[in-house]
Amino acid sequence: MTAFRAAVVQFEPVPDQPVANLATVERLAREAVADGARLVVFPEQCLLGYWHLRRHTAERLRELAEPADGPLVSQVVALAKELDAGLGVGFLEDADGKLFNSYAVCLPNGEVHVHRKLHAFEHEAIASGSSYTVFDTPWGFRAGVLICYDNNLVENVRITALLGATVLIAPHQTGGTNSRSPHGMKPIPLEIWESGDRAAIEAAFNGPSGREWLLRWLPARAHDNGMFVLFSNGVGRDDDELRTGNAMILDPYGRIVAETPVPAEAVVTADLDLDLVPLATGRRWLRGRRPELYGLLTQVMGDELDPRTARFSTEPVSR
């Protein structure tokens, strides 16, 4: 077996306190690496916090944002070199006069690969990225990055696979969101979290608005594309919502290799059997595609919405 050990992390960032969050990243990265992990995946916007950003003014967001070569990411790069491991962290990026919900994968050789969320909806001042992020790693496989909502659109995962990624880094801040769909996720009452009732919290986080919702679609992204998926997430209070954690690692057959049901800070570590990829069902399906039939996927249909409008629209879809 050609094995590669990776870890996914869930924790609750402190809003607007990057120094404190960076300290948590360092502590948990050291824990994961001590357990043999060579790649450690932290959640979306883990250096700044997430859902509260929608309440900030654009000016405040600019104050909080940093370039990809700024002090925060540079410290993560230094830590990656020290630990001889890859570290992925989410941050608010200031680039070319725009703000992006970005994710930096810092490799031990000093390389940094930055993905800008393709379907950003958190704030009208945060722009969406316009390119896919797939890269070679020092460990002999290609990795890709898609942030949260990016993973919900099946085309993004398929393109990431077609670009050669066999490991998908998938940082999230999800669970307990207010879906407009009647059978989608719903908010989990804050009172459950504040009660401290561990059994009630676990039931809510692993129920229809948490783990059960993830299992409707996340394994299919892994299976249908023959990829490992490294799913990290926030956990606990996120402004007026609750994030459900459920950090997990899935193999190219959509099977859960490792996960945590714990509704608290956690590190989930597993060995990826890279030999599973070549004959995985999804990889064989990729070879059976008929691209000449798929032109419709690139045609403008006339009812497309920008990511923010699509995310918050209450209008039913007519077709």
C-alpha atoms as a PDB file:
ATOM      1  CA  MET A   1       0.000   0.000   0.000  1.00  0.00           C
ATOM      2  CA  THR A   2       1.239   3.458  -0.929  1.00  0.00           C
ATOM      3  CA  ALA A   3       0.078   5.320   2.152  1.00  0.00           C
ATOM      4  CA  PHE A   4       0.048   9.024   2.912  1.00  0.00           C
ATOM      5  CA  ARG A   5      -1.085  10.311   6.291  1.00  0.00           C
ATOM      6  CA  ALA A   6      -3.284  13.415   6.343  1.00  0.00           C
ATOM      7  CA  ALA A   7      -5.299  15.215   8.983  1.00  0.00           C
ATOM      8  CA  VAL A   8      -8.414  17.388   8.968  1.00  0.00           C
ATOM      9  CA  VAL A   9      -9.141  19.780  11.797  1.00  0.00           C
ATOM     10  CA  GLN A  10     -12.246  21.340  13.259  1.00  0.00           C
ATOM     11  CA  PHE A  11     -12.136  24.264  15.668  1.00  0.00           C
ATOM     12  CA  GLU A  12     -14.000  27.426  16.582  1.00  0.00           C
ATOM     13  CA  PRO A  13     -12.122  30.563  15.442  1.00  0.00           C
ATOM     14  CA  VAL A  14     -12.210  33.692  17.565  1.00  0.00           C
ATOM     15  CA  PRO A  15     -13.807  36.446  15.440  1.00  0.00           C
ATOM     16  CA  ASP A  16     -11.337  39.062  14.202  1.00  0.00           C
ATOM     17  CA  GLN A  17      -8.494  37.667  16.324  1.00  0.00           C
ATOM     18  CA  PRO A  18      -5.967  36.293  13.831  1.00  0.00           C
ATOM     19  CA  VAL A  19      -3.157  36.088  16.387  1.00  0.00           C
ATOM     20  CA  ALA A  20      -5.245  33.884  18.677  1.00  0.00           C
ATOM     21  CA  ASN A  21      -6.422  31.747  15.770  1.00  0.00           C
ATOM     22  CA  LEU A  22      -2.908  31.360  14.444  1.00  0.00           C
ATOM     23  CA  ALA A  23      -1.854  30.101  17.861  1.00  0.00           C
ATOM     24  CA  THR A  24      -4.620  27.474  17.670  1.00  0.00           C
ATOM     25  CA  VAL A  25      -3.502  26.488  14.180  1.00  0.00           C
ATOM     26  CA  GLU A  26       0.066  26.034  15.390  1.00  0.00           C
ATOM     27  CA  ARG A  27      -0.981  23.977  18.408  1.00  0.00           C
ATOM     28  CA  LEU A  28      -3.237  21.664  16.416  1.00  0.00           C
ATOM     29  CA  ALA A  29      -0.760  21.391  13.539  1.00  0.00           C
ATOM     30  CA  ARG A  30       1.911  20.198  15.955  1.00  0.00           C
ATOM     31  CA  GLU A  31      -0.549  17.652  17.370  1.00  0.00           C
ATOM     32  CA  ALA A  32      -1.401  16.335  13.898  1.00  0.00           C
ATOM     33  CA  VAL A  33       2.218  16.133  12.776  1.00  0.00           C
ATOM     34  CA  ALA A  34       3.171  14.357  16.007  1.00  0.00           C
ATOM     35  CA  ASP A  35       0.619  11.723  14.938  1.00  0.00           C
ATOM     36  CA  GLY A  36       2.383  11.367  11.597  1.00  0.00           C
ATOM     37  CA  ALA A  37       0.322  13.686   9.386  1.00  0.00           C
ATOM     38  CA  ARG A  38       2.163  15.188   6.422  1.00  0.00           C
ATOM     39  CA  LEU A  39      -0.727  17.417   5.329  1.00  0.00           C
ATOM     40  CA  VAL A  40      -3.023  19.215   7.791  1.00  0.00           C
ATOM     41  CA  VAL A  41      -6.232  20.831   6.550  1.00  0.00           C
ATOM     42  CA  PHE A  42      -7.841  23.607   8.601  1.00  0.00           C
ATOM     43  CA  PRO A  43     -11.301  25.150   8.022  1.00  0.00           C
ATOM     44  CA  GLU A  44     -12.405  27.986   5.759  1.00  0.00           C
ATOM     45  CA  GLN A  45     -11.550  31.447   7.171  1.00  0.00           C
ATOM     46  CA  CYS A  46      -9.958  29.820  10.198  1.00  0.00           C
ATOM     47  CA  LEU A  47      -7.568  32.730  10.762  1.00  0.00           C
ATOM     48  CA  LEU A  48     -10.314  35.339  11.032  1.00  0.00           C
ATOM     49  CA  GLY A  49     -13.672  33.713  11.661  1.00  0.00           C
ATOM     50  CA  TYR A  50     -16.454  33.539   9.140  1.00  0.00           C
ATOM     51  CA  TRP A  51     -20.147  34.326   9.443  1.00  0.00           C
ATOM     52  CA  HIS A  52     -19.721  37.567  11.388  1.00  0.00           C
ATOM     53  CA  LEU A  53     -17.843  39.044   8.414  1.00  0.00           C
ATOM     54  CA  ARG A  54     -21.175  39.786   6.717  1.00  0.00           C
ATOM     55  CA  ARG A  55     -21.886  42.377   9.418  1.00  0.00           C
ATOM     56  CA  HIS A  56     -18.676  44.342   8.820  1.00  0.00           C
ATOM     57  CA  THR A  57     -18.372  47.367   6.590  1.00  0.00           C
ATOM     58  CA  ALA A  58     -16.237  47.031   3.485  1.00  0.00           C
ATOM     59  CA  GLU A  59     -13.721  49.352   5.138  1.00  0.00           C
ATOM     60  CA  ARG A  60     -13.433  47.073   8.158  1.00  0.00           C
ATOM     61  CA  LEU A  61     -12.925  44.049   5.932  1.00  0.00           C
ATOM     62  CA  ARG A  62     -10.064  45.823   4.185  1.00  0.00           C
ATOM     63  CA  GLU A  63      -8.476  46.497   7.571  1.00  0.00           C
ATOM     64  CA  LEU A  64      -8.648  42.794   8.413  1.00  0.00           C
ATOM     65  CA  ALA A  65      -7.490  41.487   5.036  1.00  0.00           C
ATOM     66  CA  GLU A  66      -3.895  40.683   4.123  1.00  0.00           C
ATOM     67  CA  PRO A  67      -2.076  39.775   0.912  1.00  0.00           C
ATOM     68  CA  ALA A  68      -1.072  36.166   0.407  1.00  0.00           C
ATOM     69  CA  ASP A  69       2.526  37.080   1.226  1.00  0.00           C
ATOM     70  CA  GLY A  70       1.519  39.036   4.336  1.00  0.00           C
ATOM     71  CA  PRO A  71       2.502  38.300   7.944  1.00  0.00           C
ATOM     72  CA  LEU A  72      -0.205  35.699   8.659  1.00  0.00           C
ATOM     73  CA  VAL A  73       0.388  33.346   5.759  1.00  0.00           C
ATOM     74  CA  SER A  74       4.139  33.905   6.045  1.00  0.00           C
ATOM     75  CA  GLN A  75       4.019  32.577   9.604  1.00  0.00           C
ATOM     76  CA  VAL A  76       2.149  29.504   8.393  1.00  0.00           C
ATOM     77  CA  VAL A  77       4.796  28.984   5.697  1.00  0.00           C
ATOM     78  CA  ALA A  78       7.510  29.133   8.355  1.00  0.00           C
ATOM     79  CA  LEU A  79       5.610  26.612  10.464  1.00  0.00           C
ATOM     80  CA  ALA A  80       5.178  24.282   7.480  1.00  0.00           C
ATOM     81  CA  LYS A  81       8.924  24.359   6.879  1.00  0.00           C
ATOM     82  CA  GLU A  82       9.664  23.709  10.542  1.00  0.00           C
ATOM     83  CA  LEU A  83       7.243  20.789  10.762  1.00  0.00           C
ATOM     84  CA  ASP A  84       8.116  19.462   7.301  1.00  0.00           C
ATOM     85  CA  ALA A  85       4.403  19.247   6.543  1.00  0.00           C
ATOM     86  CA  GLY A  86       1.785  20.926   4.382  1.00  0.00           C
ATOM     87  CA  LEU A  87      -0.629  23.259   6.179  1.00  0.00           C
ATOM     88  CA  GLY A  88      -3.843  24.649   4.683  1.00  0.00           C
ATOM     89  CA  VAL A  89      -5.450  27.745   6.229  1.00  0.00           C
ATOM     90  CA  GLY A  90      -8.308  30.060   5.307  1.00  0.00           C
ATOM     91  CA  PHE A  91      -7.865  33.838   5.325  1.00  0.00           C
ATOM     92  CA  LEU A  92      -9.307  37.068   3.926  1.00  0.00           C
ATOM     93  CA  GLU A  93      -7.085  38.082   1.029  1.00  0.00           C
ATOM     94  CA  ASP A  94      -6.408  41.587  -0.236  1.00  0.00           C
ATOM     95  CA  ALA A  95      -5.229  41.383  -3.848  1.00  0.00           C
ATOM     96  CA  ASP A  96      -5.397  43.696  -6.848  1.00  0.00           C
ATOM     97  CA  GLY A  97      -7.756  46.082  -5.082  1.00  0.00           C
ATOM     98  CA  LYS A  98     -10.238  43.279  -4.293  1.00  0.00           C
ATOM     99  CA  LEU A  99     -11.089  41.098  -1.319  1.00  0.00           C
ATOM    100  CA  PHE A 100     -11.300  37.313  -1.593  1.00  0.00           C
ATOM    101  CA  ASN A 101     -12.302  34.448   0.658  1.00  0.00           C
ATOM    102  CA  SER A 102      -9.048  32.576   0.142  1.00  0.00           C
ATOM    103  CA  TYR A 103      -7.254  29.449   1.260  1.00  0.00           C
ATOM    104  CA  ALA A 104      -3.480  29.030   1.333  1.00  0.00           C
ATOM    105  CA  VAL A 105      -1.862  25.606   1.161  1.00  0.00           C
ATOM    106  CA  CYS A 106       1.655  26.115   2.486  1.00  0.00           C
ATOM    107  CA  LEU A 107       4.073  23.336   1.548  1.00  0.00           C
ATOM    108  CA  PRO A 108       7.264  22.420   3.416  1.00  0.00           C
ATOM    109  CA  ASN A 109       9.392  23.439   0.443  1.00  0.00           C
ATOM    110  CA  GLY A 110       8.143  27.023   0.778  1.00  0.00           C
ATOM    111  CA  GLU A 111       5.575  26.910  -2.032  1.00  0.00           C
ATOM    112  CA  VAL A 112       2.195  28.518  -1.383  1.00  0.00           C
ATOM    113  CA  HIS A 113      -0.877  27.703  -3.455  1.00  0.00           C
ATOM    114  CA  VAL A 114      -3.787  30.098  -2.954  1.00  0.00           C
ATOM    115  CA  HIS A 115      -7.365  29.303  -3.937  1.00  0.00           C
ATOM    116  CA  ARG A 116      -9.970  32.062  -4.115  1.00  0.00           C
ATOM    117  CA  LYS A 117     -13.483  30.843  -3.413  1.00  0.00           C
ATOM    118  CA  LEU A 118     -15.289  30.583  -6.750  1.00  0.00           C
ATOM    119  CA  HIS A 119     -18.756  31.137  -5.305  1.00  0.00           C
ATOM    120  CA  ALA A 120     -18.296  33.745  -2.567  1.00  0.00           C
ATOM    121  CA  PHE A 121     -21.473  35.056  -0.968  1.00  0.00           C
ATOM    122  CA  GLU A 122     -20.425  36.169   2.508  1.00  0.00           C
ATOM    123  CA  HIS A 123     -20.316  39.914   1.810  1.00  0.00           C
ATOM    124  CA  GLU A 124     -20.980  42.078  -1.226  1.00  0.00           C
ATOM    125  CA  ALA A 125     -17.421  43.428  -0.913  1.00  0.00           C
ATOM    126  CA  ILE A 126     -15.880  39.936  -1.201  1.00  0.00           C
ATOM    127  CA  ALA A 127     -15.304  38.970  -4.819  1.00  0.00           C
ATOM    128  CA  SER A 128     -15.444  35.474  -6.279  1.00  0.00           C
ATOM    129  CA  GLY A 129     -12.340  33.853  -7.690  1.00  0.00           C
ATOM    130  CA  SER A 130     -12.072  32.925 -11.350  1.00  0.00           C
ATOM    131  CA  SER A 131      -9.696  29.970 -11.567  1.00  0.00           C
ATOM    132  CA  TYR A 132      -9.189  26.443 -10.303  1.00  0.00           C
ATOM    133  CA  THR A 133      -6.352  25.506  -7.983  1.00  0.00           C
ATOM    134  CA  VAL A 134      -4.627  22.194  -8.704  1.00  0.00           C
ATOM    135  CA  PHE A 135      -0.952  21.584  -8.024  1.00  0.00           C
ATOM    136  CA  ASP A 136       1.732  18.959  -7.628  1.00  0.00           C
ATOM    137  CA  THR A 137       2.729  18.085  -4.089  1.00  0.00           C
ATOM    138  CA  PRO A 138       6.080  16.881  -2.754  1.00  0.00           C
ATOM    139  CA  TRP A 139       4.416  13.538  -1.989  1.00  0.00           C
ATOM    140  CA  GLY A 140       3.808  12.409  -5.555  1.00  0.00           C
ATOM    141  CA  PHE A 141       0.138  13.278  -6.056  1.00  0.00           C
ATOM    142  CA  ARG A 142      -1.764  16.309  -7.352  1.00  0.00           C
ATOM    143  CA  ALA A 143      -4.061  18.144  -4.969  1.00  0.00           C
ATOM    144  CA  GLY A 144      -6.902  20.549  -5.581  1.00  0.00           C
ATOM    145  CA  VAL A 145      -8.697  23.062  -3.372  1.00  0.00           C
ATOM    146  CA  LEU A 146     -12.370  23.994  -3.325  1.00  0.00           C
ATOM    147  CA  ILE A 147     -13.875  26.109  -0.549  1.00  0.00           C
ATOM    148  CA  CYS A 148     -17.251  25.217   0.967  1.00  0.00           C
ATOM    149  CA  TYR A 149     -19.979  26.240  -1.561  1.00  0.00           C
ATOM    150  CA  ASP A 150     -17.534  25.503  -4.389  1.00  0.00           C
ATOM    151  CA  ASN A 151     -17.954  21.814  -3.542  1.00  0.00           C
ATOM    152  CA  ASN A 152     -21.736  21.906  -3.832  1.00  0.00           C
ATOM    153  CA  LEU A 153     -21.569  22.599  -7.572  1.00  0.00           C
ATOM    154  CA  VAL A 154     -20.657  19.292  -9.134  1.00  0.00           C
ATOM    155  CA  GLU A 155     -18.900  20.867 -12.113  1.00  0.00           C
ATOM    156  CA  ASN A 156     -16.192  22.326  -9.878  1.00  0.00           C
ATOM    157  CA  VAL A 157     -15.208  18.980  -8.407  1.00  0.00           C
ATOM    158  CA  ARG A 158     -15.290  17.278 -11.802  1.00  0.00           C
ATOM    159  CA  ILE A 159     -13.026  19.939 -13.347  1.00  0.00           C
ATOM    160  CA  THR A 160     -10.643  19.685 -10.403  1.00  0.00           C
ATOM    161  CA  ALA A 161     -10.442  15.928 -11.049  1.00  0.00           C
ATOM    162  CA  LEU A 162      -9.955  16.459 -14.794  1.00  0.00           C
ATOM    163  CA  LEU A 163      -7.032  18.750 -13.965  1.00  0.00           C
ATOM    164  CA  GLY A 164      -5.382  15.780 -12.304  1.00  0.00           C
ATOM    165  CA  ALA A 165      -6.187  16.180  -8.615  1.00  0.00           C
ATOM    166  CA  THR A 166      -6.575  12.919  -6.721  1.00  0.00           C
ATOM    167  CA  VAL A 167      -6.778  14.568  -3.288  1.00  0.00           C
ATOM    168  CA  LEU A 168      -9.352  17.323  -2.768  1.00  0.00           C
ATOM    169  CA  ILE A 169      -8.742  19.758   0.078  1.00  0.00           C
ATOM    170  CA  ALA A 170     -12.232  20.881   1.094  1.00  0.00           C
ATOM    171  CA  PRO A 171     -12.318  23.477   3.905  1.00  0.00           C
ATOM    172  CA  HIS A 172     -15.798  24.506   5.055  1.00  0.00           C
ATOM    173  CA  GLN A 173     -17.874  26.538   7.467  1.00  0.00           C
ATOM    174  CA  THR A 174     -21.125  24.633   7.244  1.00  0.00           C
ATOM    175  CA  GLY A 175     -23.851  22.802   9.092  1.00  0.00           C
ATOM    176  CA  GLY A 176     -26.747  24.553  10.765  1.00  0.00           C
ATOM    177  CA  THR A 177     -27.228  27.092   7.988  1.00  0.00           C
ATOM    178  CA  ASN A 178     -30.614  28.480   7.021  1.00  0.00           C
ATOM    179  CA  SER A 179     -31.319  26.766   3.717  1.00  0.00           C
ATOM    180  CA  ARG A 180     -34.240  28.028   1.661  1.00  0.00           C
ATOM    181  CA  SER A 181     -34.898  24.478   0.553  1.00  0.00           C
ATOM    182  CA  PRO A 182     -37.635  22.840   2.653  1.00  0.00           C
ATOM    183  CA  HIS A 183     -35.596  19.670   3.117  1.00  0.00           C
ATOM    184  CA  GLY A 184     -32.187  21.323   3.322  1.00  0.00           C
ATOM    185  CA  MET A 185     -30.229  22.345   6.411  1.00  0.00           C
ATOM    186  CA  LYS A 186     -31.894  24.415   9.100  1.00  0.00           C
ATOM    187  CA  PRO A 187     -30.422  26.451  11.952  1.00  0.00           C
ATOM    188  CA  ILE A 188     -29.669  24.563  15.134  1.00  0.00           C
ATOM    189  CA  PRO A 189     -30.951  26.544  18.140  1.00  0.00           C
ATOM    190  CA  LEU A 190     -28.142  28.281  19.986  1.00  0.00           C
ATOM    191  CA  GLU A 191     -29.759  27.163  23.227  1.00  0.00           C
ATOM    192  CA  ILE A 192     -28.684  23.596  22.492  1.00  0.00           C
ATOM    193  CA  TRP A 193     -25.033  24.639  22.332  1.00  0.00           C
ATOM    194  CA  GLU A 194     -25.285  26.891  25.366  1.00  0.00           C
ATOM    195  CA  SER A 195     -26.964  24.173  27.423  1.00  0.00           C
ATOM    196  CA  GLY A 196     -23.771  22.133  27.541  1.00  0.00           C
ATOM    197  CA  ASP A 197     -25.840  18.962  27.157  1.00  0.00           C
ATOM    198  CA  ARG A 198     -23.317  16.814  25.286  1.00  0.00           C
ATOM    199  CA  ALA A 199     -25.866  14.216  24.162  1.00  0.00           C
ATOM    200  CA  ALA A 200     -28.246  16.857  22.795  1.00  0.00           C
ATOM    201  CA  ILE A 201     -25.422  18.686  21.001  1.00  0.00           C
ATOM    202  CA  GLU A 202     -24.112  15.487  19.412  1.00  0.00           C
ATOM    203  CA  ALA A 203     -27.613  14.538  18.280  1.00  0.00           C
ATOM    204  CA  ALA A 204     -28.119  17.922  16.638  1.00  0.00           C
ATOM    205  CA  PHE A 205     -24.673  18.063  15.008  1.00  0.00           C
ATOM    206  CA  ASN A 206     -24.961  14.540  13.636  1.00  0.00           C
ATOM    207  CA  GLY A 207     -28.588  14.974  12.544  1.00  0.00           C
ATOM    208  CA  PRO A 208     -30.313  16.388   9.425  1.00  0.00           C
ATOM    209  CA  SER A 209     -28.633  19.801   9.701  1.00  0.00           C
ATOM    210  CA  GLY A 210     -25.146  18.366  10.166  1.00  0.00           C
ATOM    211  CA  ARG A 211     -23.661  14.971   9.353  1.00  0.00           C
ATOM    212  CA  GLU A 212     -26.822  13.572   7.759  1.00  0.00           C
ATOM    213  CA  TRP A 213     -26.906  16.491   5.339  1.00  0.00           C
ATOM    214  CA  LEU A 214     -23.238  16.017   4.447  1.00  0.00           C
ATOM    215  CA  LEU A 215     -23.803  12.356   3.684  1.00  0.00           C
ATOM    216  CA  ARG A 216     -26.408  13.234   1.062  1.00  0.00           C
ATOM    217  CA  TRP A 217     -23.757  14.669  -1.252  1.00  0.00           C
ATOM    218  CA  LEU A 218     -20.178  14.705   0.051  1.00  0.00           C
ATOM    219  CA  PRO A 219     -19.430  10.994  -0.528  1.00  0.00           C
ATOM    220  CA  ALA A 220     -20.681  11.366  -4.112  1.00  0.00           C
ATOM    221  CA  ARG A 221     -18.061  14.035  -4.814  1.00  0.00           C
ATOM    222  CA  ALA A 222     -15.365  11.574  -3.780  1.00  0.00           C
ATOM    223  CA  HIS A 223     -16.884   8.510  -5.443  1.00  0.00           C
ATOM    224  CA  ASP A 224     -17.939  10.046  -8.764  1.00  0.00           C
ATOM    225  CA  ASN A 225     -14.509  11.571  -9.354  1.00  0.00           C
ATOM    226  CA  GLY A 226     -12.288   8.927  -7.775  1.00  0.00           C
ATOM    227  CA  MET A 227     -10.746  11.349  -5.281  1.00  0.00           C
ATOM    228  CA  PHE A 228      -9.858  11.451  -1.625  1.00  0.00           C
ATOM    229  CA  VAL A 229     -11.747  14.298   0.064  1.00  0.00           C
ATOM    230  CA  LEU A 230     -10.284  16.036   3.115  1.00  0.00           C
ATOM    231  CA  PHE A 231     -13.292  17.738   4.722  1.00  0.00           C
ATOM    232  CA  SER A 232     -12.524  20.225   7.499  1.00  0.00           C
ATOM    233  CA  ASN A 233     -15.087  22.461   9.158  1.00  0.00           C
ATOM    234  CA  GLY A 234     -15.752  24.944  11.897  1.00  0.00           C
ATOM    235  CA  VAL A 235     -17.421  23.727  15.058  1.00  0.00           C
ATOM    236  CA  GLY A 236     -19.444  25.592  17.644  1.00  0.00           C
ATOM    237  CA  ARG A 237     -20.795  29.107  17.589  1.00  0.00           C
ATOM    238  CA  ASP A 238     -20.284  31.140  14.430  1.00  0.00           C
ATOM    239  CA  ASP A 239     -22.003  34.489  15.021  1.00  0.00           C
ATOM    240  CA  ASP A 240     -25.722  33.609  15.201  1.00  0.00           C
ATOM    241  CA  GLU A 241     -25.350  30.101  13.766  1.00  0.00           C
ATOM    242  CA  LEU A 242     -23.743  26.837  14.847  1.00  0.00           C
ATOM    243  CA  ARG A 243     -21.187  24.955  12.789  1.00  0.00           C
ATOM    244  CA  THR A 244     -21.404  21.218  13.209  1.00  0.00           C
ATOM    245  CA  GLY A 245     -17.826  20.015  12.775  1.00  0.00           C
ATOM    246  CA  ASN A 246     -18.118  16.438  11.410  1.00  0.00           C
ATOM    247  CA  ALA A 247     -14.527  16.597  10.125  1.00  0.00           C
ATOM    248  CA  MET A 248     -13.915  13.549   7.960  1.00  0.00           C
ATOM    249  CA  ILE A 249     -11.659  11.941   5.385  1.00  0.00           C
ATOM    250  CA  LEU A 250     -13.258  10.037   2.499  1.00  0.00           C
ATOM    251  CA  ASP A 251     -11.613   7.659   0.058  1.00  0.00           C
ATOM    252  CA  PRO A 252     -12.106   7.517  -3.756  1.00  0.00           C
ATOM    253  CA  TYR A 253     -15.071   5.174  -3.281  1.00  0.00           C
ATOM    254  CA  GLY A 254     -16.884   7.676  -1.083  1.00  0.00           C
ATOM    255  CA  ARG A 255     -16.212   5.625   2.033  1.00  0.00           C
ATOM    256  CA  ILE A 256     -15.477   7.429   5.282  1.00  0.00           C
ATOM    257  CA  VAL A 257     -11.955   6.479   6.328  1.00  0.00           C
ATOM    258  CA  ALA A 258     -12.015   8.513   9.539  1.00  0.00           C
ATOM    259  CA  GLU A 259     -14.273  11.061  11.192  1.00  0.00           C
ATOM    260  CA  THR A 260     -15.205  12.542  14.534  1.00  0.00           C
ATOM    261  CA  PRO A 261     -18.662  12.761  16.101  1.00  0.00           C
ATOM    262  CA  VAL A 262     -17.261  15.024  18.812  1.00  0.00           C
ATOM    263  CA  PRO A 263     -18.921  18.483  18.884  1.00  0.00           C
ATOM    264  CA  ALA A 264     -15.696  20.206  19.874  1.00  0.00           C
ATOM    265  CA  GLU A 265     -12.198  20.964  18.696  1.00  0.00           C
ATOM    266  CA  ALA A 266     -10.726  17.842  17.107  1.00  0.00           C
ATOM    267  CA  VAL A 267      -8.008  16.497  14.829  1.00  0.00           C
ATOM    268  CA  VAL A 268      -8.915  13.566  12.561  1.00  0.00           C
ATOM    269  CA  THR A 269      -5.971  11.655  11.096  1.00  0.00           C
ATOM    270  CA  ALA A 270      -5.938   8.812   8.579  1.00  0.00           C
ATOM    271  CA  ASP A 271      -3.718   7.031   6.098  1.00  0.00           C
ATOM    272  CA  LEU A 272      -4.719   7.528   2.477  1.00  0.00           C
ATOM    273  CA  ASP A 273      -4.164   4.394   0.400  1.00  0.00           C
ATOM    274  CA  LEU A 274      -3.134   6.131  -2.827  1.00  0.00           C
ATOM    275  CA  ASP A 275      -3.172   2.795  -4.668  1.00  0.00           C
ATOM    276  CA  LEU A 276      -6.977   2.966  -4.561  1.00  0.00           C
ATOM    277  CA  VAL A 277      -7.107   5.804  -7.085  1.00  0.00           C
ATOM    278  CA  PRO A 278      -6.211   4.214 -10.459  1.00  0.00           C
ATOM    279  CA  LEU A 279      -9.000   1.623 -10.449  1.00  0.00           C
ATOM    280  CA  ALA A 280     -11.568   3.647  -8.493  1.00  0.00           C
ATOM    281  CA  THR A 281     -15.013   3.654 -10.083  1.00  0.00           C
ATOM    282  CA  GLY A 282     -14.996   7.412 -10.518  1.00  0.00           C
ATOM    283  CA  ARG A 283     -11.627   7.360 -12.295  1.00  0.00           C
ATOM    284  CA  ARG A 284     -12.955   4.795 -14.748  1.00  0.00           C
ATOM    285  CA  TRP A 285     -16.075   6.902 -15.255  1.00  0.00           C
ATOM    286  CA  LEU A 286     -13.858   9.860 -16.164  1.00  0.00           C
ATOM    287  CA  ARG A 287     -12.376   7.767 -18.955  1.00  0.00           C
ATOM    288  CA  GLY A 288     -15.863   6.914 -20.204  1.00  0.00           C
ATOM    289  CA  ARG A 289     -16.997  10.514 -20.658  1.00  0.00           C
ATOM    290  CA  ARG A 290     -18.292  11.793 -24.012  1.00  0.00           C
ATOM    291  CA  PRO A 291     -17.240  15.464 -23.999  1.00  0.00           C
ATOM    292  CA  GLU A 292     -18.856  16.080 -27.386  1.00  0.00           C
ATOM    293  CA  LEU A 293     -22.235  15.753 -25.652  1.00  0.00           C
ATOM    294  CA  TYR A 294     -21.558  18.241 -22.886  1.00  0.00           C
ATOM    295  CA  GLY A 295     -21.581  21.588 -24.696  1.00  0.00           C
ATOM    296  CA  LEU A 296     -24.744  22.540 -22.849  1.00  0.00           C
ATOM    297  CA  LEU A 297     -22.748  22.803 -19.631  1.00  0.00           C
ATOM    298  CA  THR A 298     -20.915  25.864 -20.960  1.00  0.00           C
ATOM    299  CA  GLN A 299     -23.899  27.599 -22.519  1.00  0.00           C
ATOM    300  CA  VAL A 300     -25.515  30.569 -20.817  1.00  0.00           C
ATOM    301  CA  MET A 301     -29.143  29.630 -20.174  1.00  0.00           C
ATOM    302  CA  GLY A 302     -30.292  33.107 -19.191  1.00  0.00           C
ATOM    303  CA  ASP A 303     -31.394  32.369 -15.636  1.00  0.00           C
ATOM    304  CA  GLU A 304     -27.952  32.246 -14.014  1.00  0.00           C
ATOM    305  CA  LEU A 305     -27.445  34.293 -10.847  1.00  0.00           C
ATOM    306  CA  ASP A 306     -24.296  35.571  -9.212  1.00  0.00           C
ATOM    307  CA  PRO A 307     -23.210  33.432  -6.226  1.00  0.00           C
ATOM    308  CA  ARG A 308     -24.522  35.817  -3.579  1.00  0.00           C
ATOM    309  CA  THR A 309     -27.942  36.214  -5.198  1.00  0.00           C
ATOM    310  CA  ALA A 310     -28.185  32.477  -5.842  1.00  0.00           C
ATOM    311  CA  ARG A 311     -27.309  31.670  -2.238  1.00  0.00           C
ATOM    312  CA  PHE A 312     -29.896  33.976  -0.695  1.00  0.00           C
ATOM    313  CA  SER A 313     -32.660  33.973  -3.321  1.00  0.00           C
ATOM    314  CA  THR A 314     -36.115  32.991  -2.063  1.00  0.00           C
ATOM    315  CA  GLU A 315     -37.523  32.583  -5.569  1.00  0.00           C
ATOM    316  CA  PRO A 316     -38.273  29.020  -6.688  1.00  0.00           C
ATOM    317  CA  VAL A 317     -36.349  27.727  -9.696  1.00  0.00           C
ATOM    318  CA  SER A 318     -38.665  27.509 -12.688  1.00  0.00           C
ATOM    319  CA  ARG A 319     -36.790  24.699 -14.446  1.00  0.00           C
END
